[in-house]
Amino acid sequence: MKAVISVTGRDSMGIIAGVSNACAECGVNIIDISQTVLKEYFAMIMIVDIDRITVPFVDFVDRMTALGKERGLEIHTMHEDIFNSMHNI
């Protein structure tokens, strides 16, 4: 299974490293990543594999949200089933 993680906020050093480390600590593997900086604003979308996740998915979502708050970012984590359902017409 997969999940989609989006990260937005003011750019600062170490955003990708922090999010990547949080994923690795929970057994979540990054499959694809796209990031950009528009002036001082950072935006990133990651597709991650959660087949080997070591914590309940809801706990992972909470950890990512908390990381965002600590860093002054918005981090949203969504299971692929929900993401796909939201984008079907």
N, C-alpha and C. Protein backbone atom coordinates (compact mmCIF):
# COMPACT_ATOMS: atom_id res chain seq x y z
N MET A 1 0.84 -1.18 0.00
CA MET A 1 0.00 0.00 0.00
C MET A 1 0.88 1.24 0.00
N LYS A 2 0.27 2.33 -0.43
CA LYS A 2 1.01 3.58 -0.51
C LYS A 2 0.26 4.68 0.23
N ALA A 3 0.98 5.77 0.47
CA ALA A 3 0.40 6.97 1.05
C ALA A 3 1.01 8.18 0.35
N VAL A 4 0.32 9.30 0.45
CA VAL A 4 0.77 10.55 -0.12
C VAL A 4 1.03 11.51 1.02
N ILE A 5 2.23 12.10 1.03
CA ILE A 5 2.60 13.08 2.05
C ILE A 5 2.84 14.40 1.34
N SER A 6 2.17 15.46 1.80
CA SER A 6 2.43 16.79 1.25
C SER A 6 2.99 17.67 2.37
N VAL A 7 3.95 18.50 1.99
CA VAL A 7 4.62 19.38 2.95
C VAL A 7 4.67 20.78 2.33
N THR A 8 4.17 21.77 3.06
CA THR A 8 4.23 23.15 2.59
C THR A 8 4.61 24.07 3.74
N GLY A 9 5.24 25.19 3.39
CA GLY A 9 5.60 26.17 4.40
C GLY A 9 6.78 27.00 3.96
N ARG A 10 7.27 27.82 4.85
CA ARG A 10 8.46 28.63 4.55
C ARG A 10 9.67 27.71 4.44
N ASP A 11 10.50 27.99 3.47
CA ASP A 11 11.69 27.17 3.25
C ASP A 11 12.68 27.33 4.40
N SER A 12 13.30 26.24 4.77
CA SER A 12 14.37 26.25 5.76
C SER A 12 15.23 25.02 5.54
N MET A 13 16.43 25.06 6.05
CA MET A 13 17.36 23.95 5.87
C MET A 13 16.87 22.71 6.61
N GLY A 14 16.96 21.56 5.96
CA GLY A 14 16.70 20.28 6.61
C GLY A 14 15.27 19.77 6.55
N ILE A 15 14.40 20.40 5.76
CA ILE A 15 13.01 19.91 5.70
C ILE A 15 12.97 18.50 5.13
N ILE A 16 13.60 18.28 4.00
CA ILE A 16 13.56 16.95 3.38
C ILE A 16 14.21 15.92 4.31
N ALA A 17 15.31 16.27 4.93
CA ALA A 17 15.99 15.36 5.85
C ALA A 17 15.09 15.00 7.02
N GLY A 18 14.40 15.98 7.59
CA GLY A 18 13.53 15.72 8.73
C GLY A 18 12.37 14.81 8.39
N VAL A 19 11.74 15.07 7.26
CA VAL A 19 10.60 14.24 6.84
C VAL A 19 11.09 12.83 6.48
N SER A 20 12.21 12.76 5.77
CA SER A 20 12.77 11.46 5.38
C SER A 20 13.15 10.63 6.61
N ASN A 21 13.77 11.26 7.60
CA ASN A 21 14.13 10.54 8.83
C ASN A 21 12.90 10.04 9.57
N ALA A 22 11.86 10.85 9.64
CA ALA A 22 10.62 10.44 10.31
C ALA A 22 10.02 9.23 9.60
N CYS A 23 10.07 9.22 8.28
CA CYS A 23 9.57 8.07 7.52
C CYS A 23 10.40 6.83 7.84
N ALA A 24 11.72 6.96 7.77
CA ALA A 24 12.60 5.81 8.00
C ALA A 24 12.42 5.24 9.40
N GLU A 25 12.23 6.10 10.40
CA GLU A 25 12.05 5.63 11.78
C GLU A 25 10.80 4.75 11.92
N CYS A 26 9.84 4.93 11.01
CA CYS A 26 8.58 4.17 11.08
C CYS A 26 8.51 3.06 10.03
N GLY A 27 9.61 2.80 9.34
CA GLY A 27 9.63 1.74 8.34
C GLY A 27 8.91 2.11 7.05
N VAL A 28 8.78 3.40 6.79
CA VAL A 28 8.09 3.89 5.59
C VAL A 28 9.14 4.24 4.55
N ASN A 29 9.00 3.69 3.34
CA ASN A 29 9.98 3.89 2.28
C ASN A 29 9.49 4.92 1.27
N ILE A 30 10.35 5.86 0.93
CA ILE A 30 10.00 6.88 -0.06
C ILE A 30 10.16 6.27 -1.46
N ILE A 31 9.08 6.33 -2.24
CA ILE A 31 9.09 5.81 -3.60
C ILE A 31 9.39 6.92 -4.60
N ASP A 32 8.75 8.06 -4.41
CA ASP A 32 8.92 9.19 -5.32
C ASP A 32 8.79 10.48 -4.54
N ILE A 33 9.50 11.49 -4.99
CA ILE A 33 9.49 12.77 -4.29
C ILE A 33 9.61 13.89 -5.31
N SER A 34 8.82 14.92 -5.12
CA SER A 34 8.90 16.12 -5.93
C SER A 34 8.88 17.31 -4.99
N GLN A 35 9.84 18.21 -5.15
CA GLN A 35 9.87 19.37 -4.27
C GLN A 35 10.30 20.58 -5.08
N THR A 36 9.84 21.71 -4.61
CA THR A 36 10.23 22.97 -5.24
C THR A 36 10.24 24.08 -4.20
N VAL A 37 10.96 25.12 -4.51
CA VAL A 37 10.97 26.31 -3.67
C VAL A 37 10.55 27.47 -4.57
N LEU A 38 9.48 28.13 -4.19
CA LEU A 38 8.98 29.30 -4.91
C LEU A 38 9.23 30.52 -4.03
N LYS A 39 10.26 31.28 -4.40
CA LYS A 39 10.74 32.36 -3.54
C LYS A 39 11.09 31.77 -2.19
N GLU A 40 10.40 32.13 -1.12
CA GLU A 40 10.74 31.58 0.20
C GLU A 40 9.80 30.45 0.63
N TYR A 41 8.95 29.99 -0.28
CA TYR A 41 7.98 28.95 0.08
C TYR A 41 8.39 27.59 -0.45
N PHE A 42 8.32 26.60 0.42
CA PHE A 42 8.71 25.22 0.12
C PHE A 42 7.45 24.39 -0.11
N ALA A 43 7.48 23.54 -1.13
CA ALA A 43 6.37 22.62 -1.39
C ALA A 43 6.95 21.27 -1.81
N MET A 44 6.42 20.19 -1.22
CA MET A 44 6.91 18.85 -1.53
C MET A 44 5.74 17.87 -1.50
N ILE A 45 5.77 16.93 -2.42
CA ILE A 45 4.83 15.81 -2.41
C ILE A 45 5.67 14.54 -2.48
N MET A 46 5.35 13.60 -1.61
CA MET A 46 6.05 12.32 -1.59
C MET A 46 5.03 11.19 -1.73
N ILE A 47 5.40 10.18 -2.48
CA ILE A 47 4.65 8.93 -2.51
C ILE A 47 5.50 7.95 -1.71
N VAL A 48 4.88 7.32 -0.72
CA VAL A 48 5.63 6.41 0.15
C VAL A 48 4.97 5.04 0.19
N ASP A 49 5.79 4.04 0.40
CA ASP A 49 5.34 2.66 0.55
C ASP A 49 5.17 2.38 2.04
N ILE A 50 3.97 1.96 2.44
CA ILE A 50 3.70 1.70 3.85
C ILE A 50 3.52 0.21 4.15
N ASP A 51 3.97 -0.64 3.23
CA ASP A 51 3.83 -2.09 3.45
C ASP A 51 4.60 -2.58 4.68
N ARG A 52 5.70 -1.93 5.01
CA ARG A 52 6.52 -2.37 6.15
C ARG A 52 6.48 -1.38 7.31
N ILE A 53 5.43 -0.60 7.40
CA ILE A 53 5.31 0.39 8.46
C ILE A 53 5.34 -0.32 9.82
N THR A 54 6.03 0.26 10.78
CA THR A 54 6.23 -0.39 12.08
C THR A 54 5.31 0.15 13.17
N VAL A 55 4.49 1.14 12.83
CA VAL A 55 3.53 1.72 13.77
C VAL A 55 2.16 1.75 13.08
N PRO A 56 1.08 1.83 13.84
CA PRO A 56 -0.22 1.98 13.20
C PRO A 56 -0.23 3.23 12.30
N PHE A 57 -0.90 3.13 11.15
CA PHE A 57 -0.89 4.24 10.20
C PHE A 57 -1.36 5.54 10.84
N VAL A 58 -2.38 5.48 11.67
CA VAL A 58 -2.89 6.69 12.32
C VAL A 58 -1.81 7.34 13.20
N ASP A 59 -0.97 6.53 13.84
CA ASP A 59 0.13 7.07 14.64
C ASP A 59 1.18 7.75 13.75
N PHE A 60 1.42 7.15 12.59
CA PHE A 60 2.35 7.75 11.63
C PHE A 60 1.83 9.11 11.18
N VAL A 61 0.54 9.18 10.87
CA VAL A 61 -0.07 10.45 10.47
C VAL A 61 0.11 11.49 11.57
N ASP A 62 -0.14 11.09 12.81
CA ASP A 62 0.02 12.02 13.94
C ASP A 62 1.47 12.47 14.10
N ARG A 63 2.42 11.57 13.90
CA ARG A 63 3.84 11.93 14.01
C ARG A 63 4.23 12.94 12.94
N MET A 64 3.74 12.72 11.73
CA MET A 64 4.07 13.64 10.64
C MET A 64 3.44 15.01 10.89
N THR A 65 2.21 15.03 11.37
CA THR A 65 1.55 16.30 11.68
C THR A 65 2.32 17.04 12.77
N ALA A 66 2.73 16.31 13.81
CA ALA A 66 3.49 16.92 14.90
C ALA A 66 4.83 17.46 14.41
N LEU A 67 5.49 16.73 13.53
CA LEU A 67 6.75 17.20 12.96
C LEU A 67 6.53 18.52 12.23
N GLY A 68 5.44 18.59 11.49
CA GLY A 68 5.12 19.83 10.80
C GLY A 68 4.94 20.99 11.76
N LYS A 69 4.21 20.75 12.82
CA LYS A 69 3.99 21.83 13.81
C LYS A 69 5.30 22.28 14.44
N GLU A 70 6.17 21.32 14.73
CA GLU A 70 7.48 21.66 15.32
C GLU A 70 8.31 22.53 14.39
N ARG A 71 8.18 22.28 13.09
CA ARG A 71 9.01 22.98 12.10
C ARG A 71 8.30 24.16 11.45
N GLY A 72 7.07 24.44 11.86
CA GLY A 72 6.31 25.53 11.26
C GLY A 72 5.84 25.22 9.85
N LEU A 73 5.54 23.94 9.60
CA LEU A 73 5.10 23.47 8.29
C LEU A 73 3.72 22.83 8.39
N GLU A 74 3.08 22.69 7.25
CA GLU A 74 1.86 21.89 7.16
C GLU A 74 2.25 20.57 6.51
N ILE A 75 2.10 19.48 7.25
CA ILE A 75 2.38 18.15 6.70
C ILE A 75 1.08 17.35 6.77
N HIS A 76 0.62 16.93 5.59
CA HIS A 76 -0.60 16.13 5.49
C HIS A 76 -0.24 14.75 4.94
N THR A 77 -0.72 13.73 5.60
CA THR A 77 -0.43 12.35 5.19
C THR A 77 -1.75 11.66 4.93
N MET A 78 -1.89 11.08 3.74
CA MET A 78 -3.15 10.48 3.34
C MET A 78 -2.91 9.10 2.72
N HIS A 79 -3.66 8.11 3.19
CA HIS A 79 -3.59 6.77 2.62
C HIS A 79 -4.03 6.84 1.16
N GLU A 80 -3.43 6.03 0.30
CA GLU A 80 -3.74 6.09 -1.12
C GLU A 80 -5.21 5.81 -1.42
N ASP A 81 -5.87 4.98 -0.62
CA ASP A 81 -7.29 4.69 -0.86
C ASP A 81 -8.12 5.96 -0.72
N ILE A 82 -7.84 6.75 0.30
CA ILE A 82 -8.58 8.01 0.50
C ILE A 82 -8.23 8.99 -0.61
N PHE A 83 -6.93 9.10 -0.92
CA PHE A 83 -6.50 10.00 -1.98
C PHE A 83 -7.21 9.66 -3.28
N ASN A 84 -7.22 8.38 -3.64
CA ASN A 84 -7.87 7.96 -4.89
C ASN A 84 -9.36 8.23 -4.86
N SER A 85 -10.02 7.99 -3.74
CA SER A 85 -11.45 8.24 -3.62
C SER A 85 -11.77 9.73 -3.79
N MET A 86 -10.93 10.57 -3.24
CA MET A 86 -11.14 12.01 -3.33
C MET A 86 -10.99 12.53 -4.75
N HIS A 87 -10.23 11.83 -5.56
CA HIS A 87 -9.94 12.33 -6.91
C HIS A 87 -10.65 11.55 -8.00
N ASN A 88 -11.65 10.78 -7.64
CA ASN A 88 -12.50 10.12 -8.63
C ASN A 88 -13.74 10.95 -8.86
N ILE A 89 -14.13 11.07 -10.08
CA ILE A 89 -15.33 11.86 -10.40
C ILE A 89 -16.49 10.90 -10.63
